[in-house]
Amino acid sequence: MRFLLRPGWIAFVVVVIGFAVACYTLLAPWQFGREEQRQAQQHAIDTANSTPPVPFAQLVPGTEVDPGDEWRQVTLAGTYLPQAEVLVRLRFVDGKPASEVLTPVRLDDGRTVAVDRGSITTDDGQAVPDFPAAPAGPVTLTGRLRVNETDTSGRAPATEGGHLQIYAVDSRQLAAATGTQDMVEGYLQLGAGQPGVLTPIPVTPATTAAPFTNGSYALQWLTFGAIAIIALGYFIRLEVLQRRGRRETKASLRDALSGRDLDPSVDDDPAPRRDRPDTGDRDTPAPH
C-alpha cells in the first residue's frame, strides 16, 4: 500500500484521523460536560423550588454569594438606588433581543446588592424603550441568588441613549462603573410580583437545553468519529481493489499480446499425414 505515502493520501488520512480524535477527545467530552452542567443546575433549581425562602444574610453573611447556594430563594429589605442603575445589553429572552435592568439595593445592614429586575424587549436590538422606574422608599424583595457572569470579551461600560450599559450581569462591573460602595459579589434575580420587577427572567439552566440534548449531541460526535474511521478504511480498501484490478487487466493484456492466452495443449502445426505404405503388386487370389 505504497500509495498511502502520496501527498494526497497523507493529507486525507491526517484530516480523517484528526477529526476522529477531536470527536473523541474534545467535542464529545465537551457536550457530556454541558449535559452534566445542565443536570447539576436543574437539580439546584429543583432543590431551591422545594425550599422556602430564607433571609439574605443567612446565606450571604459576607461579601460574596456562594456558588453552592445559587438559585436558592432569599428575602431582603432595603432601598433601590436608581441613580446607579445599568442596562445589560445584547441579551435574548424567549428568543427575542432584550436588555436586562440591573438596579442595586442598599440593605439595612449597609451592604449593597445588585438586583436583576427583569428584561425589556428591544425590537431592533438597539433602541431602549421606556420602562418603569424602580419604586422609591423601603422595599422587601424575594428572589433567587445568582453568581456573577463574566464578559469574556472584556467590553468596557458605555453610555447610550442616556443609559449606562454593560454586557454581563456582573455586580463588580456595576460597582466599578457607578462608584457604588460595599457591593456584594453576586446578584438577586427577581421573580414575578416583586416590587420593581419588569418581565421576570426565566428560571432555567444556563445551557437552556432540553434534558439530554447535550448528551445526544455527544453521542452524535462519537458516531461521526466512528464513521470517519470506517470511511477511511473503506476508501483504502477500495483503492487497493482498484489497483489490483488494474494490475490484473494489464497482465491479461500482455498475455494476450504475447500469445500466452492460447491453449498450450494445442499445436499450431498439425502433424503430417502418414500415407499408407506401398504394398507393391500383390497377387490377387484367382476366382474359383
C-alpha atoms as a PDB file:
ATOM      1  CA  MET A   1       0.000   0.000   0.000  1.00  0.00           C
ATOM      2  CA  ARG A   2       2.699   2.428  -1.017  1.00  0.00           C
ATOM      3  CA  PHE A   3       0.021   4.715  -2.421  1.00  0.00           C
ATOM      4  CA  LEU A   4      -0.652   5.847   1.177  1.00  0.00           C
ATOM      5  CA  LEU A   5       2.681   7.671   1.060  1.00  0.00           C
ATOM      6  CA  ARG A   6       1.460  10.002  -1.660  1.00  0.00           C
ATOM      7  CA  PRO A   7       0.804  13.608  -0.513  1.00  0.00           C
ATOM      8  CA  GLY A   8      -2.900  13.477  -1.293  1.00  0.00           C
ATOM      9  CA  TRP A   9      -3.433  10.302   0.705  1.00  0.00           C
ATOM     10  CA  ILE A  10      -1.265  11.543   3.577  1.00  0.00           C
ATOM     11  CA  ALA A  11      -3.377  14.706   3.835  1.00  0.00           C
ATOM     12  CA  PHE A  12      -6.607  12.703   3.644  1.00  0.00           C
ATOM     13  CA  VAL A  13      -5.534  10.273   6.373  1.00  0.00           C
ATOM     14  CA  VAL A  14      -4.302  13.079   8.639  1.00  0.00           C
ATOM     15  CA  VAL A  15      -7.561  15.019   8.281  1.00  0.00           C
ATOM     16  CA  VAL A  16      -9.751  11.975   8.965  1.00  0.00           C
ATOM     17  CA  ILE A  17      -7.729  10.812  11.961  1.00  0.00           C
ATOM     18  CA  GLY A  18      -7.545  14.368  13.305  1.00  0.00           C
ATOM     19  CA  PHE A  19     -11.320  14.716  13.015  1.00  0.00           C
ATOM     20  CA  ALA A  20     -11.903  11.394  14.770  1.00  0.00           C
ATOM     21  CA  VAL A  21      -9.507  12.304  17.581  1.00  0.00           C
ATOM     22  CA  ALA A  22     -11.244  15.671  18.007  1.00  0.00           C
ATOM     23  CA  CYS A  23     -14.631  13.937  18.187  1.00  0.00           C
ATOM     24  CA  TYR A  24     -13.490  11.584  20.944  1.00  0.00           C
ATOM     25  CA  THR A  25     -11.240  13.903  22.971  1.00  0.00           C
ATOM     26  CA  LEU A  26     -12.813  17.363  22.537  1.00  0.00           C
ATOM     27  CA  LEU A  27     -16.278  17.568  21.036  1.00  0.00           C
ATOM     28  CA  ALA A  28     -17.994  14.627  22.733  1.00  0.00           C
ATOM     29  CA  PRO A  29     -16.468  15.321  26.193  1.00  0.00           C
ATOM     30  CA  TRP A  30     -17.451  18.984  25.832  1.00  0.00           C
ATOM     31  CA  GLN A  31     -21.085  18.045  25.205  1.00  0.00           C
ATOM     32  CA  PHE A  32     -21.058  15.497  28.033  1.00  0.00           C
ATOM     33  CA  GLY A  33     -19.733  18.258  30.296  1.00  0.00           C
ATOM     34  CA  ARG A  34     -22.507  20.582  29.177  1.00  0.00           C
ATOM     35  CA  GLU A  35     -25.041  17.884  29.960  1.00  0.00           C
ATOM     36  CA  GLU A  36     -23.589  17.380  33.436  1.00  0.00           C
ATOM     37  CA  GLN A  37     -23.673  21.142  33.992  1.00  0.00           C
ATOM     38  CA  ARG A  38     -27.307  21.323  32.901  1.00  0.00           C
ATOM     39  CA  GLN A  39     -28.273  18.438  35.171  1.00  0.00           C
ATOM     40  CA  ALA A  40     -26.464  19.988  38.141  1.00  0.00           C
ATOM     41  CA  GLN A  41     -28.152  23.340  37.583  1.00  0.00           C
ATOM     42  CA  GLN A  42     -31.543  21.729  37.122  1.00  0.00           C
ATOM     43  CA  HIS A  43     -31.039  19.803  40.368  1.00  0.00           C
ATOM     44  CA  ALA A  44     -30.134  23.048  42.148  1.00  0.00           C
ATOM     45  CA  ILE A  45     -33.238  24.745  40.740  1.00  0.00           C
ATOM     46  CA  ASP A  46     -35.482  21.852  41.774  1.00  0.00           C
ATOM     47  CA  THR A  47     -33.979  21.885  45.261  1.00  0.00           C
ATOM     48  CA  ALA A  48     -34.476  25.648  45.535  1.00  0.00           C
ATOM     49  CA  ASN A  49     -38.081  25.355  44.386  1.00  0.00           C
ATOM     50  CA  SER A  50     -38.825  22.923  47.193  1.00  0.00           C
ATOM     51  CA  THR A  51     -37.074  25.058  49.832  1.00  0.00           C
ATOM     52  CA  PRO A  52     -38.815  28.108  51.352  1.00  0.00           C
ATOM     53  CA  PRO A  53     -37.046  31.491  51.142  1.00  0.00           C
ATOM     54  CA  VAL A  54     -34.623  32.393  53.933  1.00  0.00           C
ATOM     55  CA  PRO A  55     -33.152  35.763  54.950  1.00  0.00           C
ATOM     56  CA  PHE A  56     -30.429  37.022  52.622  1.00  0.00           C
ATOM     57  CA  ALA A  57     -27.957  37.429  55.494  1.00  0.00           C
ATOM     58  CA  GLN A  58     -28.359  33.763  56.412  1.00  0.00           C
ATOM     59  CA  LEU A  59     -26.917  32.536  53.099  1.00  0.00           C
ATOM     60  CA  VAL A  60     -24.724  35.556  52.352  1.00  0.00           C
ATOM     61  CA  PRO A  61     -23.191  36.691  55.635  1.00  0.00           C
ATOM     62  CA  GLY A  62     -20.171  38.186  53.889  1.00  0.00           C
ATOM     63  CA  THR A  63     -19.394  39.880  50.591  1.00  0.00           C
ATOM     64  CA  GLU A  64     -19.908  37.071  48.086  1.00  0.00           C
ATOM     65  CA  VAL A  65     -22.632  34.658  47.002  1.00  0.00           C
ATOM     66  CA  ASP A  66     -21.512  31.058  47.473  1.00  0.00           C
ATOM     67  CA  PRO A  67     -21.865  29.176  44.146  1.00  0.00           C
ATOM     68  CA  GLY A  68     -23.275  26.265  46.132  1.00  0.00           C
ATOM     69  CA  ASP A  69     -26.229  28.473  47.122  1.00  0.00           C
ATOM     70  CA  GLU A  70     -27.033  29.634  43.603  1.00  0.00           C
ATOM     71  CA  TRP A  71     -30.762  29.533  42.783  1.00  0.00           C
ATOM     72  CA  ARG A  72     -31.723  29.491  46.469  1.00  0.00           C
ATOM     73  CA  GLN A  73     -34.618  31.801  47.316  1.00  0.00           C
ATOM     74  CA  VAL A  74     -33.945  34.603  49.801  1.00  0.00           C
ATOM     75  CA  THR A  75     -35.643  37.710  51.131  1.00  0.00           C
ATOM     76  CA  LEU A  76     -34.031  41.076  51.828  1.00  0.00           C
ATOM     77  CA  ALA A  77     -35.082  44.556  52.838  1.00  0.00           C
ATOM     78  CA  GLY A  78     -33.592  47.791  51.578  1.00  0.00           C
ATOM     79  CA  THR A  79     -33.935  50.736  49.221  1.00  0.00           C
ATOM     80  CA  TYR A  80     -33.405  50.863  45.455  1.00  0.00           C
ATOM     81  CA  LEU A  81     -30.595  53.105  44.181  1.00  0.00           C
ATOM     82  CA  PRO A  82     -31.924  54.185  40.750  1.00  0.00           C
ATOM     83  CA  GLN A  83     -29.002  56.570  40.211  1.00  0.00           C
ATOM     84  CA  ALA A  84     -26.702  53.506  39.979  1.00  0.00           C
ATOM     85  CA  GLU A  85     -28.912  51.570  37.568  1.00  0.00           C
ATOM     86  CA  VAL A  86     -27.388  49.974  34.453  1.00  0.00           C
ATOM     87  CA  LEU A  87     -28.680  48.037  31.447  1.00  0.00           C
ATOM     88  CA  VAL A  88     -27.231  44.682  30.465  1.00  0.00           C
ATOM     89  CA  ARG A  89     -27.266  44.713  26.677  1.00  0.00           C
ATOM     90  CA  LEU A  90     -27.242  42.071  23.934  1.00  0.00           C
ATOM     91  CA  ARG A  91     -29.443  39.601  25.781  1.00  0.00           C
ATOM     92  CA  PHE A  92     -32.013  37.196  24.383  1.00  0.00           C
ATOM     93  CA  VAL A  93     -35.169  36.339  26.291  1.00  0.00           C
ATOM     94  CA  ASP A  94     -37.570  33.825  24.738  1.00  0.00           C
ATOM     95  CA  GLY A  95     -35.608  34.144  21.504  1.00  0.00           C
ATOM     96  CA  LYS A  96     -36.044  37.931  21.229  1.00  0.00           C
ATOM     97  CA  PRO A  97     -33.446  40.723  21.604  1.00  0.00           C
ATOM     98  CA  ALA A  98     -33.671  42.262  25.046  1.00  0.00           C
ATOM     99  CA  SER A  99     -31.867  44.160  27.763  1.00  0.00           C
ATOM    100  CA  GLU A 100     -31.884  43.348  31.453  1.00  0.00           C
ATOM    101  CA  VAL A 101     -32.244  46.096  34.049  1.00  0.00           C
ATOM    102  CA  LEU A 102     -29.787  45.868  36.940  1.00  0.00           C
ATOM    103  CA  THR A 103     -30.597  48.158  39.880  1.00  0.00           C
ATOM    104  CA  PRO A 104     -28.687  47.987  43.175  1.00  0.00           C
ATOM    105  CA  VAL A 105     -30.448  47.902  46.533  1.00  0.00           C
ATOM    106  CA  ARG A 106     -28.920  49.304  49.716  1.00  0.00           C
ATOM    107  CA  LEU A 107     -29.602  46.845  52.536  1.00  0.00           C
ATOM    108  CA  ASP A 108     -30.447  47.823  56.060  1.00  0.00           C
ATOM    109  CA  ASP A 109     -27.065  46.414  57.182  1.00  0.00           C
ATOM    110  CA  GLY A 110     -25.192  48.804  54.856  1.00  0.00           C
ATOM    111  CA  ARG A 111     -24.263  46.356  52.113  1.00  0.00           C
ATOM    112  CA  THR A 112     -25.384  46.800  48.512  1.00  0.00           C
ATOM    113  CA  VAL A 113     -26.875  44.041  46.355  1.00  0.00           C
ATOM    114  CA  ALA A 114     -27.359  44.186  42.591  1.00  0.00           C
ATOM    115  CA  VAL A 115     -30.930  43.238  41.683  1.00  0.00           C
ATOM    116  CA  ASP A 116     -31.858  41.959  38.223  1.00  0.00           C
ATOM    117  CA  ARG A 117     -35.330  43.446  37.840  1.00  0.00           C
ATOM    118  CA  GLY A 118     -36.020  41.554  34.624  1.00  0.00           C
ATOM    119  CA  SER A 119     -35.922  42.219  30.908  1.00  0.00           C
ATOM    120  CA  ILE A 120     -37.230  44.798  28.468  1.00  0.00           C
ATOM    121  CA  THR A 121     -37.675  43.939  24.803  1.00  0.00           C
ATOM    122  CA  THR A 122     -35.655  45.894  22.249  1.00  0.00           C
ATOM    123  CA  ASP A 123     -37.369  45.411  18.902  1.00  0.00           C
ATOM    124  CA  ASP A 124     -34.315  46.165  16.775  1.00  0.00           C
ATOM    125  CA  GLY A 125     -31.789  45.044  19.361  1.00  0.00           C
ATOM    126  CA  GLN A 126     -30.570  48.635  19.803  1.00  0.00           C
ATOM    127  CA  ALA A 127     -33.196  51.196  20.829  1.00  0.00           C
ATOM    128  CA  VAL A 128     -34.115  51.050  24.515  1.00  0.00           C
ATOM    129  CA  PRO A 129     -37.841  51.561  25.158  1.00  0.00           C
ATOM    130  CA  ASP A 130     -39.206  53.373  28.179  1.00  0.00           C
ATOM    131  CA  PHE A 131     -39.652  51.156  31.215  1.00  0.00           C
ATOM    132  CA  PRO A 132     -40.967  51.667  34.758  1.00  0.00           C
ATOM    133  CA  ALA A 133     -38.554  53.083  37.299  1.00  0.00           C
ATOM    134  CA  ALA A 134     -37.760  51.236  40.486  1.00  0.00           C
ATOM    135  CA  PRO A 135     -40.070  52.165  43.373  1.00  0.00           C
ATOM    136  CA  ALA A 136     -38.831  54.720  45.879  1.00  0.00           C
ATOM    137  CA  GLY A 137     -38.602  54.057  49.574  1.00  0.00           C
ATOM    138  CA  PRO A 138     -38.051  50.864  51.549  1.00  0.00           C
ATOM    139  CA  VAL A 139     -38.934  47.570  49.841  1.00  0.00           C
ATOM    140  CA  THR A 140     -38.875  43.911  50.778  1.00  0.00           C
ATOM    141  CA  LEU A 141     -37.814  41.623  47.942  1.00  0.00           C
ATOM    142  CA  THR A 142     -37.815  37.885  47.358  1.00  0.00           C
ATOM    143  CA  GLY A 143     -35.638  36.449  44.634  1.00  0.00           C
ATOM    144  CA  ARG A 144     -33.008  33.901  43.713  1.00  0.00           C
ATOM    145  CA  LEU A 145     -29.317  34.124  44.458  1.00  0.00           C
ATOM    146  CA  ARG A 146     -27.122  34.158  41.372  1.00  0.00           C
ATOM    147  CA  VAL A 147     -23.361  34.268  40.887  1.00  0.00           C
ATOM    148  CA  ASN A 148     -21.819  36.919  38.671  1.00  0.00           C
ATOM    149  CA  GLU A 149     -21.445  36.436  34.947  1.00  0.00           C
ATOM    150  CA  THR A 150     -18.248  37.442  33.159  1.00  0.00           C
ATOM    151  CA  ASP A 151     -17.982  39.295  29.873  1.00  0.00           C
ATOM    152  CA  THR A 152     -15.356  37.169  28.145  1.00  0.00           C
ATOM    153  CA  SER A 153     -14.842  39.924  25.553  1.00  0.00           C
ATOM    154  CA  GLY A 154     -13.875  42.409  28.258  1.00  0.00           C
ATOM    155  CA  ARG A 155     -16.006  45.213  26.807  1.00  0.00           C
ATOM    156  CA  ALA A 156     -15.985  48.473  28.733  1.00  0.00           C
ATOM    157  CA  PRO A 157     -19.209  50.073  30.012  1.00  0.00           C
ATOM    158  CA  ALA A 158     -20.720  52.657  27.673  1.00  0.00           C
ATOM    159  CA  THR A 159     -23.483  55.231  27.855  1.00  0.00           C
ATOM    160  CA  GLU A 160     -26.049  55.255  25.063  1.00  0.00           C
ATOM    161  CA  GLY A 161     -29.459  56.885  24.954  1.00  0.00           C
ATOM    162  CA  GLY A 162     -28.973  58.180  28.478  1.00  0.00           C
ATOM    163  CA  HIS A 163     -28.447  54.680  29.911  1.00  0.00           C
ATOM    164  CA  LEU A 164     -25.215  53.239  31.265  1.00  0.00           C
ATOM    165  CA  GLN A 165     -24.719  49.851  29.626  1.00  0.00           C
ATOM    166  CA  ILE A 166     -22.670  46.763  30.443  1.00  0.00           C
ATOM    167  CA  TYR A 167     -22.559  43.371  28.750  1.00  0.00           C
ATOM    168  CA  ALA A 168     -22.818  40.849  31.594  1.00  0.00           C
ATOM    169  CA  VAL A 169     -24.819  40.629  34.803  1.00  0.00           C
ATOM    170  CA  ASP A 170     -21.801  41.408  36.953  1.00  0.00           C
ATOM    171  CA  SER A 171     -22.105  43.328  40.227  1.00  0.00           C
ATOM    172  CA  ARG A 172     -18.361  44.033  40.163  1.00  0.00           C
ATOM    173  CA  GLN A 173     -18.629  45.825  36.844  1.00  0.00           C
ATOM    174  CA  LEU A 174     -21.718  47.682  38.043  1.00  0.00           C
ATOM    175  CA  ALA A 175     -19.871  48.865  41.157  1.00  0.00           C
ATOM    176  CA  ALA A 176     -16.836  49.976  39.149  1.00  0.00           C
ATOM    177  CA  ALA A 177     -18.937  51.809  36.552  1.00  0.00           C
ATOM    178  CA  THR A 178     -21.187  53.619  39.052  1.00  0.00           C
ATOM    179  CA  GLY A 179     -18.881  54.007  42.032  1.00  0.00           C
ATOM    180  CA  THR A 180     -21.249  52.093  44.304  1.00  0.00           C
ATOM    181  CA  GLN A 181     -19.654  51.029  47.573  1.00  0.00           C
ATOM    182  CA  ASP A 182     -19.908  47.807  49.618  1.00  0.00           C
ATOM    183  CA  MET A 183     -21.255  45.772  46.673  1.00  0.00           C
ATOM    184  CA  VAL A 184     -21.830  42.062  47.267  1.00  0.00           C
ATOM    185  CA  GLU A 185     -20.339  39.826  44.577  1.00  0.00           C
ATOM    186  CA  GLY A 186     -23.337  38.133  43.007  1.00  0.00           C
ATOM    187  CA  TYR A 187     -26.861  39.384  42.465  1.00  0.00           C
ATOM    188  CA  LEU A 188     -30.539  38.787  43.179  1.00  0.00           C
ATOM    189  CA  GLN A 189     -32.846  37.680  40.345  1.00  0.00           C
ATOM    190  CA  LEU A 190     -36.387  38.892  40.979  1.00  0.00           C
ATOM    191  CA  GLY A 191     -39.430  36.758  40.389  1.00  0.00           C
ATOM    192  CA  ALA A 192     -42.947  37.723  39.357  1.00  0.00           C
ATOM    193  CA  GLY A 193     -44.946  40.000  41.630  1.00  0.00           C
ATOM    194  CA  GLN A 194     -41.968  41.621  43.346  1.00  0.00           C
ATOM    195  CA  PRO A 195     -41.644  45.410  43.790  1.00  0.00           C
ATOM    196  CA  GLY A 196     -39.912  46.886  40.739  1.00  0.00           C
ATOM    197  CA  VAL A 197     -39.940  43.692  38.674  1.00  0.00           C
ATOM    198  CA  LEU A 198     -40.266  44.045  34.899  1.00  0.00           C
ATOM    199  CA  THR A 199     -40.517  40.887  32.759  1.00  0.00           C
ATOM    200  CA  PRO A 200     -39.073  38.160  35.011  1.00  0.00           C
ATOM    201  CA  ILE A 201     -36.090  36.234  33.677  1.00  0.00           C
ATOM    202  CA  PRO A 202     -36.987  32.549  33.124  1.00  0.00           C
ATOM    203  CA  VAL A 203     -35.574  30.224  35.754  1.00  0.00           C
ATOM    204  CA  THR A 204     -33.707  27.751  33.548  1.00  0.00           C
ATOM    205  CA  PRO A 205     -30.209  26.236  33.437  1.00  0.00           C
ATOM    206  CA  ALA A 206     -27.610  28.298  31.616  1.00  0.00           C
ATOM    207  CA  THR A 207     -27.436  25.744  28.800  1.00  0.00           C
ATOM    208  CA  THR A 208     -31.150  26.386  28.024  1.00  0.00           C
ATOM    209  CA  ALA A 209     -31.317  22.900  26.505  1.00  0.00           C
ATOM    210  CA  ALA A 210     -33.900  20.168  26.994  1.00  0.00           C
ATOM    211  CA  PRO A 211     -32.902  17.156  29.113  1.00  0.00           C
ATOM    212  CA  PHE A 212     -30.207  15.007  27.488  1.00  0.00           C
ATOM    213  CA  THR A 213     -29.975  17.331  24.480  1.00  0.00           C
ATOM    214  CA  ASN A 214     -26.247  17.823  25.019  1.00  0.00           C
ATOM    215  CA  GLY A 215     -25.844  14.112  25.770  1.00  0.00           C
ATOM    216  CA  SER A 216     -27.376  13.274  22.404  1.00  0.00           C
ATOM    217  CA  TYR A 217     -25.011  15.749  20.735  1.00  0.00           C
ATOM    218  CA  ALA A 218     -22.102  13.963  22.417  1.00  0.00           C
ATOM    219  CA  LEU A 219     -23.285  10.602  21.082  1.00  0.00           C
ATOM    220  CA  GLN A 220     -23.559  12.127  17.617  1.00  0.00           C
ATOM    221  CA  TRP A 221     -19.936  13.292  17.766  1.00  0.00           C
ATOM    222  CA  LEU A 222     -18.852   9.802  18.832  1.00  0.00           C
ATOM    223  CA  THR A 223     -20.806   8.368  15.895  1.00  0.00           C
ATOM    224  CA  PHE A 224     -19.268  10.850  13.460  1.00  0.00           C
ATOM    225  CA  GLY A 225     -15.786   9.899  14.664  1.00  0.00           C
ATOM    226  CA  ALA A 226     -16.501   6.199  14.149  1.00  0.00           C
ATOM    227  CA  ILE A 227     -17.983   6.841  10.698  1.00  0.00           C
ATOM    228  CA  ALA A 228     -14.858   8.791   9.717  1.00  0.00           C
ATOM    229  CA  ILE A 229     -12.576   5.869  10.621  1.00  0.00           C
ATOM    230  CA  ILE A 230     -14.842   3.345   8.858  1.00  0.00           C
ATOM    231  CA  ALA A 231     -14.965   5.550   5.761  1.00  0.00           C
ATOM    232  CA  LEU A 232     -11.172   5.825   5.762  1.00  0.00           C
ATOM    233  CA  GLY A 233     -10.849   2.039   5.839  1.00  0.00           C
ATOM    234  CA  TYR A 234     -13.446   1.708   3.076  1.00  0.00           C
ATOM    235  CA  PHE A 235     -11.664   4.110   0.732  1.00  0.00           C
ATOM    236  CA  ILE A 236      -8.290   2.482   1.388  1.00  0.00           C
ATOM    237  CA  ARG A 237      -9.738  -0.958   0.612  1.00  0.00           C
ATOM    238  CA  LEU A 238     -11.460   0.416  -2.499  1.00  0.00           C
ATOM    239  CA  GLU A 239      -8.169   1.863  -3.733  1.00  0.00           C
ATOM    240  CA  VAL A 240      -6.389  -1.454  -3.102  1.00  0.00           C
ATOM    241  CA  LEU A 241      -9.029  -3.384  -5.064  1.00  0.00           C
ATOM    242  CA  GLN A 242      -8.967  -0.910  -7.934  1.00  0.00           C
ATOM    243  CA  ARG A 243      -5.189  -1.075  -8.168  1.00  0.00           C
ATOM    244  CA  ARG A 244      -5.272  -4.881  -8.051  1.00  0.00           C
ATOM    245  CA  GLY A 245      -7.879  -4.923 -10.809  1.00  0.00           C
ATOM    246  CA  ARG A 246      -5.802  -2.625 -12.971  1.00  0.00           C
ATOM    247  CA  ARG A 247      -2.726  -4.831 -12.494  1.00  0.00           C
ATOM    248  CA  GLU A 248      -4.691  -7.943 -13.461  1.00  0.00           C
ATOM    249  CA  THR A 249      -6.094  -6.199 -16.519  1.00  0.00           C
ATOM    250  CA  LYS A 250      -2.625  -5.143 -17.644  1.00  0.00           C
ATOM    251  CA  ALA A 251      -1.288  -8.655 -17.103  1.00  0.00           C
ATOM    252  CA  SER A 252      -4.115 -10.148 -19.158  1.00  0.00           C
ATOM    253  CA  LEU A 253      -3.456  -7.669 -21.934  1.00  0.00           C
ATOM    254  CA  ARG A 254       0.246  -8.516 -22.001  1.00  0.00           C
ATOM    255  CA  ASP A 255      -0.575 -12.218 -22.124  1.00  0.00           C
ATOM    256  CA  ALA A 256      -2.950 -11.659 -24.997  1.00  0.00           C
ATOM    257  CA  LEU A 257      -0.393  -9.684 -26.944  1.00  0.00           C
ATOM    258  CA  SER A 258       2.299 -12.312 -26.391  1.00  0.00           C
ATOM    259  CA  GLY A 259       0.037 -15.241 -27.250  1.00  0.00           C
ATOM    260  CA  ARG A 260       0.153 -16.719 -23.787  1.00  0.00           C
ATOM    261  CA  ASP A 261      -3.575 -16.907 -23.618  1.00  0.00           C
ATOM    262  CA  LEU A 262      -3.659 -19.770 -26.193  1.00  0.00           C
ATOM    263  CA  ASP A 263      -4.164 -23.338 -25.049  1.00  0.00           C
ATOM    264  CA  PRO A 264      -0.679 -24.838 -24.765  1.00  0.00           C
ATOM    265  CA  SER A 265      -2.063 -28.341 -25.444  1.00  0.00           C
ATOM    266  CA  VAL A 266      -2.993 -27.355 -28.969  1.00  0.00           C
ATOM    267  CA  ASP A 267      -0.134 -27.426 -31.535  1.00  0.00           C
ATOM    268  CA  ASP A 268      -0.267 -24.767 -34.204  1.00  0.00           C
ATOM    269  CA  ASP A 269       1.347 -27.114 -36.798  1.00  0.00           C
ATOM    270  CA  PRO A 270      -0.753 -30.234 -37.379  1.00  0.00           C
ATOM    271  CA  ALA A 271       1.163 -33.499 -37.606  1.00  0.00           C
ATOM    272  CA  PRO A 272       1.930 -34.607 -41.210  1.00  0.00           C
ATOM    273  CA  ARG A 273      -0.430 -37.209 -42.594  1.00  0.00           C
ATOM    274  CA  ARG A 274       1.062 -40.596 -42.783  1.00  0.00           C
ATOM    275  CA  ASP A 275       0.319 -42.307 -46.128  1.00  0.00           C
ATOM    276  CA  ARG A 276      -0.395 -45.959 -46.250  1.00  0.00           C
ATOM    277  CA  PRO A 277       2.731 -47.936 -47.118  1.00  0.00           C
ATOM    278  CA  ASP A 278       3.075 -49.096 -50.661  1.00  0.00           C
ATOM    279  CA  THR A 279       2.306 -52.838 -50.706  1.00  0.00           C
ATOM    280  CA  GLY A 280       3.579 -53.342 -54.223  1.00  0.00           C
ATOM    281  CA  ASP A 281       1.952 -55.826 -56.562  1.00  0.00           C
ATOM    282  CA  ARG A 282       0.002 -58.303 -54.578  1.00  0.00           C
ATOM    283  CA  ASP A 283      -1.309 -61.463 -56.087  1.00  0.00           C
ATOM    284  CA  THR A 284      -4.996 -61.334 -56.207  1.00  0.00           C
ATOM    285  CA  PRO A 285      -6.475 -64.663 -55.420  1.00  0.00           C
ATOM    286  CA  ALA A 286      -7.956 -66.244 -58.510  1.00  0.00           C
ATOM    287  CA  PRO A 287     -11.591 -66.733 -58.518  1.00  0.00           C
ATOM    288  CA  HIS A 288     -12.692 -70.176 -58.114  1.00  0.00           C
END
